[in-house]
PDB file of N, CA and C in Angstrom:
ATOM      1  N   UNK A   1      57.647-256.701   5.028  1.00  0.00           N
ATOM      2  CA  UNK A   1      57.812-258.073   5.439  1.00  0.00           C
ATOM      3  C   UNK A   1      56.631-258.519   6.298  1.00  0.00           C
ATOM      4  N   UNK A   2      56.187-257.641   7.170  1.00  0.00           N
ATOM      5  CA  UNK A   2      55.049-257.970   8.037  1.00  0.00           C
ATOM      6  C   UNK A   2      53.802-258.235   7.201  1.00  0.00           C
ATOM      7  N   UNK A   3      53.529-257.368   6.229  1.00  0.00           N
ATOM      8  CA  UNK A   3      52.349-257.565   5.383  1.00  0.00           C
ATOM      9  C   UNK A   3      52.420-258.876   4.615  1.00  0.00           C
ATOM     10  N   UNK A   4      53.605-259.242   4.172  1.00  0.00           N
ATOM     11  CA  UNK A   4      53.730-260.494   3.439  1.00  0.00           C
ATOM     12  C   UNK A   4      53.454-261.690   4.340  1.00  0.00           C
ATOM     13  N   UNK A   5      53.889-261.610   5.592  1.00  0.00           N
ATOM     14  CA  UNK A   5      53.680-262.720   6.521  1.00  0.00           C
ATOM     15  C   UNK A   5      52.226-262.814   6.968  1.00  0.00           C
ATOM     16  N   UNK A   6      51.611-261.673   7.257  1.00  0.00           N
ATOM     17  CA  UNK A   6      50.245-261.678   7.780  1.00  0.00           C
ATOM     18  C   UNK A   6      49.219-261.985   6.688  1.00  0.00           C
ATOM     19  N   UNK A   7      49.427-261.396   5.496  1.00  0.00           N
ATOM     20  CA  UNK A   7      48.431-261.542   4.432  1.00  0.00           C
ATOM     21  C   UNK A   7      48.884-262.435   3.279  1.00  0.00           C
ATOM     22  N   UNK A   8      50.078-262.989   3.368  1.00  0.00           N
ATOM     23  CA  UNK A   8      50.568-263.847   2.295  1.00  0.00           C
ATOM     24  C   UNK A   8      50.781-263.094   0.992  1.00  0.00           C
ATOM     25  N   UNK A   9      51.181-261.837   1.092  1.00  0.00           N
ATOM     26  CA  UNK A   9      51.345-260.981  -0.083  1.00  0.00           C
ATOM     27  C   UNK A   9      52.757-261.136  -0.643  1.00  0.00           C
ATOM     28  N   UNK A  10      52.868-261.777  -1.800  1.00  0.00           N
ATOM     29  CA  UNK A  10      54.167-262.040  -2.425  1.00  0.00           C
ATOM     30  C   UNK A  10      54.891-260.749  -2.786  1.00  0.00           C
ATOM     31  N   UNK A  11      54.172-259.782  -3.323  1.00  0.00           N
ATOM     32  CA  UNK A  11      54.811-258.524  -3.709  1.00  0.00           C
ATOM     33  C   UNK A  11      55.346-257.781  -2.488  1.00  0.00           C
ATOM     34  N   UNK A  12      54.637-257.831  -1.382  1.00  0.00           N
ATOM     35  CA  UNK A  12      55.113-257.182  -0.158  1.00  0.00           C
ATOM     36  C   UNK A  12      56.402-257.844   0.321  1.00  0.00           C
ATOM     37  N   UNK A  13      56.508-259.150   0.173  1.00  0.00           N
ATOM     38  CA  UNK A  13      57.735-259.856   0.566  1.00  0.00           C
ATOM     39  C   UNK A  13      58.910-259.388  -0.283  1.00  0.00           C
ATOM     40  N   UNK A  14      58.682-259.236  -1.574  1.00  0.00           N
ATOM     41  CA  UNK A  14      59.739-258.787  -2.474  1.00  0.00           C
ATOM     42  C   UNK A  14      60.108-257.336  -2.178  1.00  0.00           C
ATOM     43  N   UNK A  15      59.105-256.500  -1.920  1.00  0.00           N
ATOM     44  CA  UNK A  15      59.376-255.105  -1.573  1.00  0.00           C
ATOM     45  C   UNK A  15      60.221-255.029  -0.301  1.00  0.00           C
ATOM     46  N   UNK A  16      59.906-255.841   0.693  1.00  0.00           N
ATOM     47  CA  UNK A  16      60.676-255.845   1.932  1.00  0.00           C
ATOM     48  C   UNK A  16      62.102-256.339   1.724  1.00  0.00           C
ATOM     49  N   UNK A  17      62.237-257.409   0.967  1.00  0.00           N
ATOM     50  CA  UNK A  17      63.572-257.978   0.702  1.00  0.00           C
ATOM     51  C   UNK A  17      64.446-256.983  -0.057  1.00  0.00           C
ATOM     52  N   UNK A  18      63.876-256.350  -1.068  1.00  0.00           N
ATOM     53  CA  UNK A  18      64.661-255.404  -1.865  1.00  0.00           C
ATOM     54  C   UNK A  18      64.950-254.120  -1.094  1.00  0.00           C
ATOM     55  N   UNK A  19      64.040-253.730  -0.196  1.00  0.00           N
ATOM     56  CA  UNK A  19      64.326-252.561   0.652  1.00  0.00           C
ATOM     57  C   UNK A  19      65.505-252.856   1.576  1.00  0.00           C
ATOM     58  N   UNK A  20      65.570-254.067   2.093  1.00  0.00           N
ATOM     59  CA  UNK A  20      66.721-254.453   2.911  1.00  0.00           C
ATOM     60  C   UNK A  20      68.015-254.371   2.094  1.00  0.00           C
ATOM     61  N   UNK A  21      67.975-254.838   0.858  1.00  0.00           N
ATOM     62  CA  UNK A  21      69.145-254.776  -0.019  1.00  0.00           C
ATOM     63  C   UNK A  21      69.536-253.315  -0.274  1.00  0.00           C
ATOM     64  N   UNK A  22      68.540-252.475  -0.546  1.00  0.00           N
ATOM     65  CA  UNK A  22      68.794-251.061  -0.813  1.00  0.00           C
ATOM     66  C   UNK A  22      69.381-250.368   0.412  1.00  0.00           C
ATOM     67  N   UNK A  23      68.880-250.707   1.582  1.00  0.00           N
ATOM     68  CA  UNK A  23      69.394-250.116   2.818  1.00  0.00           C
ATOM     69  C   UNK A  23      70.851-250.511   3.036  1.00  0.00           C
ATOM     70  N   UNK A  24      71.166-251.756   2.752  1.00  0.00           N
ATOM     71  CA  UNK A  24      72.550-252.205   2.860  1.00  0.00           C
ATOM     72  C   UNK A  24      73.470-251.442   1.929  1.00  0.00           C
ATOM     73  N   UNK A  25      73.045-251.266   0.676  1.00  0.00           N
ATOM     74  CA  UNK A  25      73.865-250.522  -0.285  1.00  0.00           C
ATOM     75  C   UNK A  25      73.995-249.060   0.147  1.00  0.00           C
ATOM     76  N   UNK A  26      72.906-248.487   0.617  1.00  0.00           N
ATOM     77  CA  UNK A  26      72.897-247.107   1.108  1.00  0.00           C
ATOM     78  C   UNK A  26      73.965-246.922   2.193  1.00  0.00           C
ATOM     79  N   UNK A  27      74.019-247.851   3.117  1.00  0.00           N
ATOM     80  CA  UNK A  27      74.988-247.769   4.213  1.00  0.00           C
ATOM     81  C   UNK A  27      76.412-248.003   3.721  1.00  0.00           C
ATOM     82  N   UNK A  28      76.594-248.960   2.824  1.00  0.00           N
ATOM     83  CA  UNK A  28      77.931-249.240   2.287  1.00  0.00           C
ATOM     84  C   UNK A  28      78.467-248.081   1.457  1.00  0.00           C
ATOM     85  N   UNK A  29      77.571-247.407   0.739  1.00  0.00           N
ATOM     86  CA  UNK A  29      77.973-246.278  -0.108  1.00  0.00           C
ATOM     87  C   UNK A  29      78.091-244.976   0.685  1.00  0.00           C
ATOM     88  N   UNK A  30      77.737-245.019   1.982  1.00  0.00           N
ATOM     89  CA  UNK A  30      77.831-243.861   2.877  1.00  0.00           C
ATOM     90  C   UNK A  30      77.065-242.651   2.331  1.00  0.00           C
ATOM     91  N   UNK A  31      75.782-242.845   2.079  1.00  0.00           N
ATOM     92  CA  UNK A  31      74.943-241.773   1.552  1.00  0.00           C
ATOM     93  C   UNK A  31      74.099-241.120   2.639  1.00  0.00           C
ATOM     94  N   UNK A  32      74.562-241.199   3.867  1.00  0.00           N
ATOM     95  CA  UNK A  32      73.859-240.536   4.968  1.00  0.00           C
ATOM     96  C   UNK A  32      73.988-239.026   4.815  1.00  0.00           C
ATOM     97  N   UNK A  33      73.049-238.266   5.364  1.00  0.00           N
ATOM     98  CA  UNK A  33      73.099-236.812   5.202  1.00  0.00           C
ATOM     99  C   UNK A  33      74.272-236.174   5.935  1.00  0.00           C
ATOM    100  N   UNK A  34      74.761-235.109   5.350  1.00  0.00           N
ATOM    101  CA  UNK A  34      75.839-234.319   5.934  1.00  0.00           C
ATOM    102  C   UNK A  34      75.237-233.118   6.649  1.00  0.00           C
ATOM    103  N   UNK A  35      75.998-232.514   7.511  1.00  0.00           N
ATOM    104  CA  UNK A  35      75.528-231.322   8.218  1.00  0.00           C
ATOM    105  C   UNK A  35      75.945-230.045   7.511  1.00  0.00           C
ATOM    106  N   UNK A  36      76.725-230.165   6.416  1.00  0.00           N
ATOM    107  CA  UNK A  36      77.244-228.998   5.724  1.00  0.00           C
ATOM    108  C   UNK A  36      76.379-228.636   4.524  1.00  0.00           C
ATOM    109  N   UNK A  37      76.149-227.351   4.329  1.00  0.00           N
ATOM    110  CA  UNK A  37      75.385-226.857   3.182  1.00  0.00           C
ATOM    111  C   UNK A  37      76.142-227.198   1.904  1.00  0.00           C
ATOM    112  N   UNK A  38      75.418-227.630   0.902  1.00  0.00           N
ATOM    113  CA  UNK A  38      76.022-227.984  -0.377  1.00  0.00           C
ATOM    114  C   UNK A  38      76.369-229.454  -0.487  1.00  0.00           C
ATOM    115  N   UNK A  39      76.301-230.178   0.627  1.00  0.00           N
ATOM    116  CA  UNK A  39      76.528-231.611   0.612  1.00  0.00           C
ATOM    117  C   UNK A  39      75.183-232.306   0.749  1.00  0.00           C
ATOM    118  N   UNK A  40      75.169-233.602   0.629  1.00  0.00           N
ATOM    119  CA  UNK A  40      73.937-234.376   0.689  1.00  0.00           C
ATOM    120  C   UNK A  40      73.175-234.100   1.979  1.00  0.00           C
ATOM    121  N   UNK A  41      71.889-233.779   1.859  1.00  0.00           N
ATOM    122  CA  UNK A  41      71.048-233.602   3.044  1.00  0.00           C
ATOM    123  C   UNK A  41      70.029-234.741   3.085  1.00  0.00           C
ATOM    124  N   UNK A  42      68.999-234.618   3.918  1.00  0.00           N
ATOM    125  CA  UNK A  42      67.987-235.673   4.022  1.00  0.00           C
ATOM    126  C   UNK A  42      67.320-235.961   2.683  1.00  0.00           C
ATOM    127  N   UNK A  43      67.064-234.914   1.912  1.00  0.00           N
ATOM    128  CA  UNK A  43      66.426-235.123   0.605  1.00  0.00           C
ATOM    129  C   UNK A  43      67.326-235.955  -0.298  1.00  0.00           C
ATOM    130  N   UNK A  44      68.611-235.651  -0.295  1.00  0.00           N
ATOM    131  CA  UNK A  44      69.555-236.401  -1.113  1.00  0.00           C
ATOM    132  C   UNK A  44      69.710-237.838  -0.640  1.00  0.00           C
ATOM    133  N   UNK A  45      69.707-238.030   0.666  1.00  0.00           N
ATOM    134  CA  UNK A  45      69.783-239.384   1.206  1.00  0.00           C
ATOM    135  C   UNK A  45      68.564-240.198   0.800  1.00  0.00           C
ATOM    136  N   UNK A  46      67.403-239.570   0.857  1.00  0.00           N
ATOM    137  CA  UNK A  46      66.183-240.267   0.436  1.00  0.00           C
ATOM    138  C   UNK A  46      66.227-240.593  -1.053  1.00  0.00           C
ATOM    139  N   UNK A  47      66.810-239.712  -1.851  1.00  0.00           N
ATOM    140  CA  UNK A  47      66.953-240.008  -3.276  1.00  0.00           C
ATOM    141  C   UNK A  47      67.785-241.276  -3.466  1.00  0.00           C
ATOM    142  N   UNK A  48      68.919-241.368  -2.758  1.00  0.00           N
ATOM    143  CA  UNK A  48      69.774-242.540  -2.938  1.00  0.00           C
ATOM    144  C   UNK A  48      69.095-243.824  -2.472  1.00  0.00           C
ATOM    145  N   UNK A  49      68.331-243.776  -1.399  1.00  0.00           N
ATOM    146  CA  UNK A  49      67.594-244.965  -0.982  1.00  0.00           C
ATOM    147  C   UNK A  49      66.571-245.340  -2.064  1.00  0.00           C
ATOM    148  N   UNK A  50      65.924-244.345  -2.640  1.00  0.00           N
ATOM    149  CA  UNK A  50      64.972-244.584  -3.724  1.00  0.00           C
ATOM    150  C   UNK A  50      65.659-245.210  -4.933  1.00  0.00           C
ATOM    151  N   UNK A  51      66.802-244.661  -5.317  1.00  0.00           N
ATOM    152  CA  UNK A  51      67.570-245.191  -6.446  1.00  0.00           C
ATOM    153  C   UNK A  51      67.954-246.641  -6.205  1.00  0.00           C
ATOM    154  N   UNK A  52      68.526-246.927  -5.046  1.00  0.00           N
ATOM    155  CA  UNK A  52      68.984-248.283  -4.751  1.00  0.00           C
ATOM    156  C   UNK A  52      67.825-249.265  -4.645  1.00  0.00           C
ATOM    157  N   UNK A  53      66.689-248.806  -4.125  1.00  0.00           N
ATOM    158  CA  UNK A  53      65.518-249.679  -4.023  1.00  0.00           C
ATOM    159  C   UNK A  53      64.970-249.978  -5.417  1.00  0.00           C
ATOM    160  N   UNK A  54      64.881-248.971  -6.256  1.00  0.00           N
ATOM    161  CA  UNK A  54      64.404-249.194  -7.626  1.00  0.00           C
ATOM    162  C   UNK A  54      65.339-250.148  -8.364  1.00  0.00           C
ATOM    163  N   UNK A  55      66.639-250.002  -8.167  1.00  0.00           N
ATOM    164  CA  UNK A  55      67.601-250.900  -8.805  1.00  0.00           C
ATOM    165  C   UNK A  55      67.427-252.330  -8.306  1.00  0.00           C
ATOM    166  N   UNK A  56      67.228-252.494  -6.998  1.00  0.00           N
ATOM    167  CA  UNK A  56      67.032-253.838  -6.447  1.00  0.00           C
ATOM    168  C   UNK A  56      65.745-254.463  -6.974  1.00  0.00           C
ATOM    169  N   UNK A  57      64.695-253.663  -7.097  1.00  0.00           N
ATOM    170  CA  UNK A  57      63.432-254.182  -7.648  1.00  0.00           C
ATOM    171  C   UNK A  57      63.579-254.550  -9.122  1.00  0.00           C
ATOM    172  N   UNK A  58      64.342-253.772  -9.864  1.00  0.00           N
ATOM    173  CA  UNK A  58      64.563-254.055 -11.283  1.00  0.00           C
ATOM    174  C   UNK A  58      65.445-255.284 -11.474  1.00  0.00           C
ATOM    175  N   UNK A  59      66.333-255.548 -10.539  1.00  0.00           N
ATOM    176  CA  UNK A  59      67.265-256.675 -10.650  1.00  0.00           C
ATOM    177  C   UNK A  59      66.688-257.995 -10.155  1.00  0.00           C
ATOM    178  N   UNK A  60      65.668-257.950  -9.307  1.00  0.00           N
ATOM    179  CA  UNK A  60      65.115-259.190  -8.764  1.00  0.00           C
ATOM    180  C   UNK A  60      64.378-259.954  -9.879  1.00  0.00           C
ATOM    181  N   UNK A  61      64.305-261.264  -9.735  1.00  0.00           N
ATOM    182  CA  UNK A  61      63.665-262.099 -10.765  1.00  0.00           C
ATOM    183  C   UNK A  61      62.490-262.904 -10.218  1.00  0.00           C
ATOM    184  N   UNK A  62      62.052-262.594  -8.996  1.00  0.00           N
ATOM    185  CA  UNK A  62      60.956-263.333  -8.381  1.00  0.00           C
ATOM    186  C   UNK A  62      59.585-262.879  -8.871  1.00  0.00           C
ATOM    187  N   UNK A  63      59.481-261.636  -9.336  1.00  0.00           N
ATOM    188  CA  UNK A  63      58.200-261.100  -9.770  1.00  0.00           C
ATOM    189  C   UNK A  63      58.429-260.217 -10.997  1.00  0.00           C
ATOM    190  N   UNK A  64      58.004-260.698 -12.149  1.00  0.00           N
ATOM    191  CA  UNK A  64      58.255-259.977 -13.401  1.00  0.00           C
ATOM    192  C   UNK A  64      57.468-258.669 -13.488  1.00  0.00           C
ATOM    193  N   UNK A  65      56.302-258.605 -12.837  1.00  0.00           N
ATOM    194  CA  UNK A  65      55.507-257.371 -12.858  1.00  0.00           C
ATOM    195  C   UNK A  65      56.251-256.234 -12.149  1.00  0.00           C
ATOM    196  N   UNK A  66      56.762-256.515 -10.955  1.00  0.00           N
ATOM    197  CA  UNK A  66      57.536-255.506 -10.223  1.00  0.00           C
ATOM    198  C   UNK A  66      58.827-255.180 -10.965  1.00  0.00           C
ATOM    199  N   UNK A  67      59.456-256.198 -11.514  1.00  0.00           N
ATOM    200  CA  UNK A  67      60.699-255.992 -12.240  1.00  0.00           C
ATOM    201  C   UNK A  67      60.491-255.045 -13.420  1.00  0.00           C
ATOM    202  N   UNK A  68      59.461-255.277 -14.207  1.00  0.00           N
ATOM    203  CA  UNK A  68      59.223-254.420 -15.374  1.00  0.00           C
ATOM    204  C   UNK A  68      58.776-253.018 -14.964  1.00  0.00           C
ATOM    205  N   UNK A  69      58.013-252.913 -13.884  1.00  0.00           N
ATOM    206  CA  UNK A  69      57.534-251.606 -13.429  1.00  0.00           C
ATOM    207  C   UNK A  69      58.687-250.720 -12.954  1.00  0.00           C
ATOM    208  N   UNK A  70      59.681-251.315 -12.318  1.00  0.00           N
ATOM    209  CA  UNK A  70      60.764-250.518 -11.740  1.00  0.00           C
ATOM    210  C   UNK A  70      62.021-250.466 -12.592  1.00  0.00           C
ATOM    211  N   UNK A  71      62.060-251.208 -13.679  1.00  0.00           N
ATOM    212  CA  UNK A  71      63.225-251.167 -14.561  1.00  0.00           C
ATOM    213  C   UNK A  71      63.433-249.763 -15.124  1.00  0.00           C
ATOM    214  N   UNK A  72      62.376-249.171 -15.655  1.00  0.00           N
ATOM    215  CA  UNK A  72      62.513-247.823 -16.227  1.00  0.00           C
ATOM    216  C   UNK A  72      62.768-246.779 -15.137  1.00  0.00           C
ATOM    217  N   UNK A  73      62.184-246.975 -13.967  1.00  0.00           N
ATOM    218  CA  UNK A  73      62.419-246.055 -12.849  1.00  0.00           C
ATOM    219  C   UNK A  73      63.900-246.080 -12.468  1.00  0.00           C
ATOM    220  N   UNK A  74      64.453-247.276 -12.331  1.00  0.00           N
ATOM    221  CA  UNK A  74      65.869-247.411 -11.973  1.00  0.00           C
ATOM    222  C   UNK A  74      66.759-246.777 -13.038  1.00  0.00           C
ATOM    223  N   UNK A  75      66.401-246.996 -14.304  1.00  0.00           N
ATOM    224  CA  UNK A  75      67.194-246.420 -15.399  1.00  0.00           C
ATOM    225  C   UNK A  75      67.136-244.899 -15.386  1.00  0.00           C
ATOM    226  N   UNK A  76      65.936-244.346 -15.229  1.00  0.00           N
ATOM    227  CA  UNK A  76      65.775-242.887 -15.225  1.00  0.00           C
ATOM    228  C   UNK A  76      66.502-242.247 -14.043  1.00  0.00           C
ATOM    229  N   UNK A  77      66.384-242.852 -12.871  1.00  0.00           N
ATOM    230  CA  UNK A  77      67.063-242.307 -11.697  1.00  0.00           C
ATOM    231  C   UNK A  77      68.574-242.400 -11.855  1.00  0.00           C
ATOM    232  N   UNK A  78      69.052-243.524 -12.356  1.00  0.00           N
ATOM    233  CA  UNK A  78      70.484-243.702 -12.550  1.00  0.00           C
ATOM    234  C   UNK A  78      71.059-242.746 -13.581  1.00  0.00           C
ATOM    235  N   UNK A  79      70.339-242.568 -14.692  1.00  0.00           N
ATOM    236  CA  UNK A  79      70.803-241.678 -15.751  1.00  0.00           C
ATOM    237  C   UNK A  79      70.802-240.217 -15.313  1.00  0.00           C
ATOM    238  N   UNK A  80      69.911-239.873 -14.415  1.00  0.00           N
ATOM    239  CA  UNK A  80      69.763-238.479 -13.980  1.00  0.00           C
ATOM    240  C   UNK A  80      70.314-238.232 -12.581  1.00  0.00           C
ATOM    241  N   UNK A  81      71.111-239.142 -12.063  1.00  0.00           N
ATOM    242  CA  UNK A  81      71.625-239.032 -10.696  1.00  0.00           C
ATOM    243  C   UNK A  81      72.309-237.689 -10.437  1.00  0.00           C
ATOM    244  N   UNK A  82      73.242-237.303 -11.284  1.00  0.00           N
ATOM    245  CA  UNK A  82      73.981-236.050 -11.079  1.00  0.00           C
ATOM    246  C   UNK A  82      73.047-234.842 -11.111  1.00  0.00           C
ATOM    247  N   UNK A  83      72.126-234.837 -12.048  1.00  0.00           N
ATOM    248  CA  UNK A  83      71.188-233.721 -12.183  1.00  0.00           C
ATOM    249  C   UNK A  83      70.277-233.618 -10.951  1.00  0.00           C
ATOM    250  N   UNK A  84      69.766-234.758 -10.512  1.00  0.00           N
ATOM    251  CA  UNK A  84      68.861-234.768  -9.357  1.00  0.00           C
ATOM    252  C   UNK A  84      69.594-234.295  -8.099  1.00  0.00           C
ATOM    253  N   UNK A  85      70.790-234.813  -7.873  1.00  0.00           N
ATOM    254  CA  UNK A  85      71.566-234.412  -6.686  1.00  0.00           C
ATOM    255  C   UNK A  85      71.879-232.914  -6.746  1.00  0.00           C
ATOM    256  N   UNK A  86      72.205-232.414  -7.937  1.00  0.00           N
ATOM    257  CA  UNK A  86      72.478-230.976  -8.080  1.00  0.00           C
ATOM    258  C   UNK A  86      71.227-230.152  -7.781  1.00  0.00           C
ATOM    259  N   UNK A  87      70.065-230.610  -8.255  1.00  0.00           N
ATOM    260  CA  UNK A  87      68.816-229.892  -7.969  1.00  0.00           C
ATOM    261  C   UNK A  87      68.510-229.902  -6.474  1.00  0.00           C
ATOM    262  N   UNK A  88      68.712-231.036  -5.831  1.00  0.00           N
ATOM    263  CA  UNK A  88      68.446-231.137  -4.396  1.00  0.00           C
ATOM    264  C   UNK A  88      69.423-230.285  -3.589  1.00  0.00           C
ATOM    265  N   UNK A  89      70.700-230.370  -3.921  1.00  0.00           N
ATOM    266  CA  UNK A  89      71.703-229.579  -3.192  1.00  0.00           C
ATOM    267  C   UNK A  89      71.559-228.088  -3.479  1.00  0.00           C
ATOM    268  N   UNK A  90      71.082-227.738  -4.653  1.00  0.00           N
ATOM    269  CA  UNK A  90      70.904-226.332  -5.007  1.00  0.00           C
ATOM    270  C   UNK A  90      69.836-225.623  -4.206  1.00  0.00           C
ATOM    271  N   UNK A  91      68.969-226.380  -3.583  1.00  0.00           N
ATOM    272  CA  UNK A  91      67.894-225.787  -2.776  1.00  0.00           C
ATOM    273  C   UNK A  91      68.341-225.473  -1.352  1.00  0.00           C
ATOM    274  N   UNK A  92      69.540-225.863  -1.006  1.00  0.00           N
ATOM    275  CA  UNK A  92      70.021-225.681   0.364  1.00  0.00           C
ATOM    276  C   UNK A  92      70.514-224.261   0.614  1.00  0.00           C
ATOM    277  N   UNK A  93      70.477-223.871   1.876  1.00  0.00           N
ATOM    278  CA  UNK A  93      71.071-222.614   2.307  1.00  0.00           C
ATOM    279  C   UNK A  93      70.228-221.380   2.054  1.00  0.00           C
ATOM    280  N   UNK A  94      69.018-221.570   1.559  1.00  0.00           N
ATOM    281  CA  UNK A  94      68.131-220.438   1.292  1.00  0.00           C
ATOM    282  C   UNK A  94      66.932-220.522   2.236  1.00  0.00           C
ATOM    283  N   UNK A  95      66.467-219.381   2.663  1.00  0.00           N
ATOM    284  CA  UNK A  95      65.261-219.360   3.486  1.00  0.00           C
ATOM    285  C   UNK A  95      64.071-219.790   2.640  1.00  0.00           C
ATOM    286  N   UNK A  96      63.222-220.613   3.218  1.00  0.00           N
ATOM    287  CA  UNK A  96      62.031-221.094   2.524  1.00  0.00           C
ATOM    288  C   UNK A  96      60.792-220.574   3.234  1.00  0.00           C
ATOM    289  N   UNK A  97      59.912-219.957   2.480  1.00  0.00           N
ATOM    290  CA  UNK A  97      58.651-219.483   3.043  1.00  0.00           C
ATOM    291  C   UNK A  97      57.636-220.603   2.914  1.00  0.00           C
ATOM    292  N   UNK A  98      57.238-221.167   4.053  1.00  0.00           N
ATOM    293  CA  UNK A  98      56.216-222.212   4.040  1.00  0.00           C
ATOM    294  C   UNK A  98      54.947-221.749   4.779  1.00  0.00           C
ATOM    295  N   UNK A  99      54.871-220.446   5.032  1.00  0.00           N
ATOM    296  CA  UNK A  99      53.686-219.804   5.622  1.00  0.00           C
ATOM    297  C   UNK A  99      53.321-220.353   6.996  1.00  0.00           C
ATOM    298  N   UNK A 100      54.310-220.584   7.813  1.00  0.00           N
ATOM    299  CA  UNK A 100      54.041-221.020   9.180  1.00  0.00           C
ATOM    300  C   UNK A 100      54.919-222.173   9.596  1.00  0.00           C
ATOM    301  N   UNK A 101      55.129-222.274  10.883  1.00  0.00           N
ATOM    302  CA  UNK A 101      55.984-223.334  11.416  1.00  0.00           C
ATOM    303  C   UNK A 101      55.154-224.527  11.888  1.00  0.00           C
ATOM    304  N   UNK A 102      54.153-224.265  12.709  1.00  0.00           N
ATOM    305  CA  UNK A 102      53.336-225.343  13.246  1.00  0.00           C
ATOM    306  C   UNK A 102      52.258-225.798  12.281  1.00  0.00           C
ATOM    307  N   UNK A 103      51.773-224.891  11.459  1.00  0.00           N
ATOM    308  CA  UNK A 103      50.752-225.221  10.461  1.00  0.00           C
ATOM    309  C   UNK A 103      51.195-224.656   9.115  1.00  0.00           C
ATOM    310  N   UNK A 104      52.187-225.284   8.488  1.00  0.00           N
ATOM    311  CA  UNK A 104      52.677-224.745   7.210  1.00  0.00           C
ATOM    312  C   UNK A 104      51.662-224.966   6.092  1.00  0.00           C
ATOM    313  N   UNK A 105      51.793-224.159   5.076  1.00  0.00           N
ATOM    314  CA  UNK A 105      51.008-224.336   3.865  1.00  0.00           C
ATOM    315  C   UNK A 105      51.524-225.606   3.179  1.00  0.00           C
ATOM    316  N   UNK A 106      50.653-226.561   2.926  1.00  0.00           N
ATOM    317  CA  UNK A 106      51.066-227.859   2.388  1.00  0.00           C
ATOM    318  C   UNK A 106      51.751-227.737   1.018  1.00  0.00           C
ATOM    319  N   UNK A 107      51.248-226.875   0.159  1.00  0.00           N
ATOM    320  CA  UNK A 107      51.845-226.714  -1.167  1.00  0.00           C
ATOM    321  C   UNK A 107      53.240-226.100  -1.074  1.00  0.00           C
ATOM    322  N   UNK A 108      53.395-225.091  -0.225  1.00  0.00           N
ATOM    323  CA  UNK A 108      54.709-224.469  -0.055  1.00  0.00           C
ATOM    324  C   UNK A 108      55.707-225.427   0.592  1.00  0.00           C
ATOM    325  N   UNK A 109      55.252-226.184   1.592  1.00  0.00           N
ATOM    326  CA  UNK A 109      56.125-227.146   2.258  1.00  0.00           C
ATOM    327  C   UNK A 109      56.533-228.256   1.288  1.00  0.00           C
ATOM    328  N   UNK A 110      55.612-228.717   0.478  1.00  0.00           N
ATOM    329  CA  UNK A 110      55.920-229.753  -0.510  1.00  0.00           C
ATOM    330  C   UNK A 110      56.932-229.253  -1.525  1.00  0.00           C
ATOM    331  N   UNK A 111      56.763-228.029  -1.992  1.00  0.00           N
ATOM    332  CA  UNK A 111      57.712-227.455  -2.955  1.00  0.00           C
ATOM    333  C   UNK A 111      59.098-227.311  -2.336  1.00  0.00           C
ATOM    334  N   UNK A 112      59.157-226.955  -1.052  1.00  0.00           N
ATOM    335  CA  UNK A 112      60.443-226.802  -0.379  1.00  0.00           C
ATOM    336  C   UNK A 112      61.138-228.146  -0.191  1.00  0.00           C
ATOM    337  N   UNK A 113      60.361-229.178   0.069  1.00  0.00           N
ATOM    338  CA  UNK A 113      60.940-230.495   0.334  1.00  0.00           C
ATOM    339  C   UNK A 113      61.135-231.331  -0.925  1.00  0.00           C
ATOM    340  N   UNK A 114      60.551-230.892  -2.036  1.00  0.00           N
ATOM    341  CA  UNK A 114      60.674-231.632  -3.295  1.00  0.00           C
ATOM    342  C   UNK A 114      61.201-230.712  -4.396  1.00  0.00           C
ATOM    343  N   UNK A 115      62.440-230.212  -4.250  1.00  0.00           N
ATOM    344  CA  UNK A 115      62.940-229.209  -5.186  1.00  0.00           C
ATOM    345  C   UNK A 115      63.463-229.755  -6.519  1.00  0.00           C
ATOM    346  N   UNK A 116      63.478-231.066  -6.696  1.00  0.00           N
ATOM    347  CA  UNK A 116      64.003-231.634  -7.937  1.00  0.00           C
ATOM    348  C   UNK A 116      62.868-231.966  -8.894  1.00  0.00           C
ATOM    349  N   UNK A 117      62.738-231.163  -9.939  1.00  0.00           N
ATOM    350  CA  UNK A 117      61.696-231.414 -10.942  1.00  0.00           C
ATOM    351  C   UNK A 117      61.942-232.757 -11.635  1.00  0.00           C
ATOM    352  N   UNK A 118      63.193-233.109 -11.806  1.00  0.00           N
ATOM    353  CA  UNK A 118      63.538-234.382 -12.461  1.00  0.00           C
ATOM    354  C   UNK A 118      63.079-235.566 -11.631  1.00  0.00           C
ATOM    355  N   UNK A 119      63.392-235.553 -10.354  1.00  0.00           N
ATOM    356  CA  UNK A 119      62.975-236.632  -9.454  1.00  0.00           C
ATOM    357  C   UNK A 119      61.457-236.673  -9.322  1.00  0.00           C
ATOM    358  N   UNK A 120      60.826-235.515  -9.215  1.00  0.00           N
ATOM    359  CA  UNK A 120      59.372-235.456  -9.099  1.00  0.00           C
ATOM    360  C   UNK A 120      58.700-236.080 -10.313  1.00  0.00           C
ATOM    361  N   UNK A 121      59.229-235.846 -11.511  1.00  0.00           N
ATOM    362  CA  UNK A 121      58.640-236.397 -12.733  1.00  0.00           C
ATOM    363  C   UNK A 121      58.717-237.919 -12.737  1.00  0.00           C
ATOM    364  N   UNK A 122      59.825-238.471 -12.273  1.00  0.00           N
ATOM    365  CA  UNK A 122      59.970-239.932 -12.218  1.00  0.00           C
ATOM    366  C   UNK A 122      58.970-240.522 -11.227  1.00  0.00           C
ATOM    367  N   UNK A 123      58.852-239.893 -10.064  1.00  0.00           N
ATOM    368  CA  UNK A 123      57.930-240.386  -9.041  1.00  0.00           C
ATOM    369  C   UNK A 123      56.485-240.295  -9.517  1.00  0.00           C
ATOM    370  N   UNK A 124      56.129-239.165 -10.109  1.00  0.00           N
ATOM    371  CA  UNK A 124      54.750-238.976 -10.567  1.00  0.00           C
ATOM    372  C   UNK A 124      54.385-239.932 -11.696  1.00  0.00           C
ATOM    373  N   UNK A 125      55.367-240.351 -12.488  1.00  0.00           N
ATOM    374  CA  UNK A 125      55.100-241.302 -13.572  1.00  0.00           C
ATOM    375  C   UNK A 125      54.711-242.672 -13.032  1.00  0.00           C
ATOM    376  N   UNK A 126      55.074-242.969 -11.791  1.00  0.00           N
ATOM    377  CA  UNK A 126      54.693-244.247 -11.173  1.00  0.00           C
ATOM    378  C   UNK A 126      53.218-244.318 -10.822  1.00  0.00           C
ATOM    379  N   UNK A 127      52.593-243.181 -10.617  1.00  0.00           N
ATOM    380  CA  UNK A 127      51.187-243.154 -10.178  1.00  0.00           C
ATOM    381  C   UNK A 127      50.239-243.630 -11.235  1.00  0.00           C
TER     382      UNK A 127
END
């Protein structure tokens, strides 16, 4: 929202508006992380915010470029929701070697924090 106001960026305004919508849905659907192993953690919560944001971007009609770009993302995330959540939850409860606490190996830390190959493929397709 700030970028849209300062620089007059229409796409930034839409991104901010749809993020607000996604955050509202996230809170209404109670997708906050749980403290119990096997239930939604931070990674799963971030997935749901991503899903809801992609859906809001696909549903908006103010910018057809953003709408078309995120339509397939929203569809892929929605169709694979159960699989992605299972992949994310399946990574819980196991020790992860990230080669250090204060200076972890970036590749190992990324693999530990991004355990869903399905979600990673959708995100990488956006690049």
